[in-house]
Amino acid sequence: MAFINLFLDSKEFFTFEAGQVIFERGDPSDFMYGIMDGVVEIRVGDHVLETLTGGHVFGELALLDDEPRSATALAKTECRVVQVGAPGFHEMIALYPEFALDVMRTMANRLRRQTIPKQ
């Protein structure tokens, strides 16, 4: 199952205009986000860490370590996203354990891309 499908029943969709900051590095970490439509850039300063499109999640680290945001998320195009707070995140893990594995795989892939030199 593509875990973005778990967000389809949400009533909490938010729209961000192109160029709008979704969250900034150092902000409190209250939610993770699922991209329904659009393009989101994850960056630290001027360095782009990742560009994400519909079907991806971001900000998930916030729900695991309760630390301030480590990067800034910027809407590159108009975006429609769903916010998931800690209660919803825990409920999704309880109902769909594979969701937790998908989130861990996503985080592992991001870490590998940032730490392993490109060949």
C-alpha atoms as a PDB file:
ATOM      1  CA  MET A   1       0.000   0.000   0.000  1.00  0.00           C
ATOM      2  CA  ALA A   2       1.303   3.456  -0.857  1.00  0.00           C
ATOM      3  CA  PHE A   3       1.186   5.116   2.530  1.00  0.00           C
ATOM      4  CA  ILE A   4       0.091   8.457   1.083  1.00  0.00           C
ATOM      5  CA  ASN A   5      -3.287   6.745   0.553  1.00  0.00           C
ATOM      6  CA  LEU A   6      -3.723   6.772   4.341  1.00  0.00           C
ATOM      7  CA  PHE A   7      -4.104  10.555   4.113  1.00  0.00           C
ATOM      8  CA  LEU A   8      -6.889  10.579   1.535  1.00  0.00           C
ATOM      9  CA  ASP A   9      -9.676  10.570   4.128  1.00  0.00           C
ATOM     10  CA  SER A  10      -8.205  13.527   5.973  1.00  0.00           C
ATOM     11  CA  LYS A  11     -10.275  16.640   6.442  1.00  0.00           C
ATOM     12  CA  GLU A  12      -7.178  18.698   7.244  1.00  0.00           C
ATOM     13  CA  PHE A  13      -5.811  19.717   3.852  1.00  0.00           C
ATOM     14  CA  PHE A  14      -3.798  22.924   3.618  1.00  0.00           C
ATOM     15  CA  THR A  15      -2.782  24.854   0.536  1.00  0.00           C
ATOM     16  CA  PHE A  16       0.500  26.729   0.224  1.00  0.00           C
ATOM     17  CA  GLU A  17       1.265  29.129  -2.607  1.00  0.00           C
ATOM     18  CA  ALA A  18       4.495  28.859  -4.605  1.00  0.00           C
ATOM     19  CA  GLY A  19       7.298  30.445  -2.580  1.00  0.00           C
ATOM     20  CA  GLN A  20       5.478  30.140   0.747  1.00  0.00           C
ATOM     21  CA  VAL A  21       7.379  28.683   3.709  1.00  0.00           C
ATOM     22  CA  ILE A  22       5.624  25.662   5.230  1.00  0.00           C
ATOM     23  CA  PHE A  23       7.965  25.563   8.212  1.00  0.00           C
ATOM     24  CA  GLU A  24      11.373  26.982   9.014  1.00  0.00           C
ATOM     25  CA  ARG A  25      14.470  25.483  10.545  1.00  0.00           C
ATOM     26  CA  GLY A  26      14.207  25.957  14.314  1.00  0.00           C
ATOM     27  CA  ASP A  27      10.382  25.994  14.383  1.00  0.00           C
ATOM     28  CA  PRO A  28       8.576  23.734  16.854  1.00  0.00           C
ATOM     29  CA  SER A  29       7.962  20.253  15.490  1.00  0.00           C
ATOM     30  CA  ASP A  30       4.242  19.618  15.759  1.00  0.00           C
ATOM     31  CA  PHE A  31       3.345  17.849  12.511  1.00  0.00           C
ATOM     32  CA  MET A  32       4.523  15.767   9.628  1.00  0.00           C
ATOM     33  CA  TYR A  33       3.064  16.403   6.187  1.00  0.00           C
ATOM     34  CA  GLY A  34       1.892  14.335   3.237  1.00  0.00           C
ATOM     35  CA  ILE A  35       2.050  15.981  -0.179  1.00  0.00           C
ATOM     36  CA  MET A  36      -1.145  15.428  -2.111  1.00  0.00           C
ATOM     37  CA  ASP A  37      -0.253  17.798  -4.983  1.00  0.00           C
ATOM     38  CA  GLY A  38       2.656  20.071  -5.777  1.00  0.00           C
ATOM     39  CA  VAL A  39       6.395  20.316  -5.175  1.00  0.00           C
ATOM     40  CA  VAL A  40       8.104  20.990  -1.836  1.00  0.00           C
ATOM     41  CA  GLU A  41      11.775  21.804  -1.390  1.00  0.00           C
ATOM     42  CA  ILE A  42      13.588  20.857   1.816  1.00  0.00           C
ATOM     43  CA  ARG A  43      16.557  23.115   2.445  1.00  0.00           C
ATOM     44  CA  VAL A  44      19.094  24.322   4.969  1.00  0.00           C
ATOM     45  CA  GLY A  45      20.024  27.874   4.124  1.00  0.00           C
ATOM     46  CA  ASP A  46      20.672  27.998   0.381  1.00  0.00           C
ATOM     47  CA  HIS A  47      21.445  24.267   0.173  1.00  0.00           C
ATOM     48  CA  VAL A  48      18.617  22.144  -1.243  1.00  0.00           C
ATOM     49  CA  LEU A  49      18.539  18.791   0.538  1.00  0.00           C
ATOM     50  CA  GLU A  50      15.638  17.322  -1.378  1.00  0.00           C
ATOM     51  CA  THR A  51      12.818  18.168  -3.765  1.00  0.00           C
ATOM     52  CA  LEU A  52       9.615  16.226  -3.086  1.00  0.00           C
ATOM     53  CA  THR A  53       6.457  15.760  -5.123  1.00  0.00           C
ATOM     54  CA  GLY A  54       2.960  14.409  -4.548  1.00  0.00           C
ATOM     55  CA  GLY A  55       2.900  11.117  -2.689  1.00  0.00           C
ATOM     56  CA  HIS A  56       5.866  11.916  -0.430  1.00  0.00           C
ATOM     57  CA  VAL A  57       5.954  12.811   3.243  1.00  0.00           C
ATOM     58  CA  PHE A  58       8.200  15.277   5.036  1.00  0.00           C
ATOM     59  CA  GLY A  59       8.692  16.571   8.541  1.00  0.00           C
ATOM     60  CA  GLU A  60       8.351  13.069   9.980  1.00  0.00           C
ATOM     61  CA  LEU A  61      11.439  13.505  12.140  1.00  0.00           C
ATOM     62  CA  ALA A  62       9.375  15.980  14.162  1.00  0.00           C
ATOM     63  CA  LEU A  63       7.145  13.239  15.464  1.00  0.00           C
ATOM     64  CA  LEU A  64      10.025  11.005  16.485  1.00  0.00           C
ATOM     65  CA  ASP A  65      12.446  13.191  18.403  1.00  0.00           C
ATOM     66  CA  ASP A  66      10.394  16.198  19.541  1.00  0.00           C
ATOM     67  CA  GLU A  67      13.247  18.556  18.570  1.00  0.00           C
ATOM     68  CA  PRO A  68      12.956  21.809  16.602  1.00  0.00           C
ATOM     69  CA  ARG A  69      12.865  21.572  12.811  1.00  0.00           C
ATOM     70  CA  SER A  70      16.258  20.735  11.308  1.00  0.00           C
ATOM     71  CA  ALA A  71      15.453  22.216   7.884  1.00  0.00           C
ATOM     72  CA  THR A  72      13.076  24.569   6.102  1.00  0.00           C
ATOM     73  CA  ALA A  73      10.237  23.333   3.875  1.00  0.00           C
ATOM     74  CA  LEU A  74       9.312  25.646   0.997  1.00  0.00           C
ATOM     75  CA  ALA A  75       6.457  25.264  -1.484  1.00  0.00           C
ATOM     76  CA  LYS A  76       8.080  25.412  -4.928  1.00  0.00           C
ATOM     77  CA  THR A  77       4.686  25.253  -6.622  1.00  0.00           C
ATOM     78  CA  GLU A  78       1.198  25.582  -5.237  1.00  0.00           C
ATOM     79  CA  CYS A  79       0.889  22.621  -2.881  1.00  0.00           C
ATOM     80  CA  ARG A  80      -1.917  20.791  -1.180  1.00  0.00           C
ATOM     81  CA  VAL A  81      -0.713  18.939   1.893  1.00  0.00           C
ATOM     82  CA  VAL A  82      -2.198  17.140   4.863  1.00  0.00           C
ATOM     83  CA  GLN A  83      -0.883  17.682   8.387  1.00  0.00           C
ATOM     84  CA  VAL A  84      -0.516  14.735  10.736  1.00  0.00           C
ATOM     85  CA  GLY A  85       0.092  15.363  14.418  1.00  0.00           C
ATOM     86  CA  ALA A  86       1.466  12.888  16.925  1.00  0.00           C
ATOM     87  CA  PRO A  87      -1.938  11.321  17.800  1.00  0.00           C
ATOM     88  CA  GLY A  88      -2.737  10.671  14.124  1.00  0.00           C
ATOM     89  CA  PHE A  89       0.785   9.384  13.490  1.00  0.00           C
ATOM     90  CA  HIS A  90       0.540   6.924  16.397  1.00  0.00           C
ATOM     91  CA  GLU A  91      -2.910   5.803  15.279  1.00  0.00           C
ATOM     92  CA  MET A  92      -1.659   5.143  11.740  1.00  0.00           C
ATOM     93  CA  ILE A  93       1.238   3.086  13.112  1.00  0.00           C
ATOM     94  CA  ALA A  94      -1.127   1.066  15.323  1.00  0.00           C
ATOM     95  CA  LEU A  95      -3.565   0.399  12.477  1.00  0.00           C
ATOM     96  CA  TYR A  96      -0.960  -0.066   9.736  1.00  0.00           C
ATOM     97  CA  PRO A  97       2.400  -1.251  11.106  1.00  0.00           C
ATOM     98  CA  GLU A  98       3.815  -1.196   7.568  1.00  0.00           C
ATOM     99  CA  PHE A  99       3.349   2.586   7.649  1.00  0.00           C
ATOM    100  CA  ALA A 100       6.060   2.801  10.332  1.00  0.00           C
ATOM    101  CA  LEU A 101       8.366   0.721   8.141  1.00  0.00           C
ATOM    102  CA  ASP A 102       7.665   2.987   5.150  1.00  0.00           C
ATOM    103  CA  VAL A 103       8.498   6.077   7.209  1.00  0.00           C
ATOM    104  CA  MET A 104      11.716   4.438   8.448  1.00  0.00           C
ATOM    105  CA  ARG A 105      12.664   3.492   4.866  1.00  0.00           C
ATOM    106  CA  THR A 106      12.032   7.060   3.763  1.00  0.00           C
ATOM    107  CA  MET A 107      14.265   8.389   6.531  1.00  0.00           C
ATOM    108  CA  ALA A 108      16.988   5.818   5.794  1.00  0.00           C
ATOM    109  CA  ASN A 109      16.970   6.699   2.091  1.00  0.00           C
ATOM    110  CA  ARG A 110      17.245  10.403   2.874  1.00  0.00           C
ATOM    111  CA  LEU A 111      20.123   9.784   5.257  1.00  0.00           C
ATOM    112  CA  ARG A 112      21.955   7.657   2.676  1.00  0.00           C
ATOM    113  CA  ARG A 113      21.545  10.324  -0.006  1.00  0.00           C
ATOM    114  CA  GLN A 114      23.004  12.943   2.335  1.00  0.00           C
ATOM    115  CA  THR A 115      25.920  10.929   3.719  1.00  0.00           C
ATOM    116  CA  ILE A 116      27.074   8.581   0.964  1.00  0.00           C
ATOM    117  CA  PRO A 117      29.090  10.232  -1.827  1.00  0.00           C
ATOM    118  CA  LYS A 118      27.592   9.959  -5.302  1.00  0.00           C
ATOM    119  CA  GLN A 119      29.465   7.550  -7.550  1.00  0.00           C
END
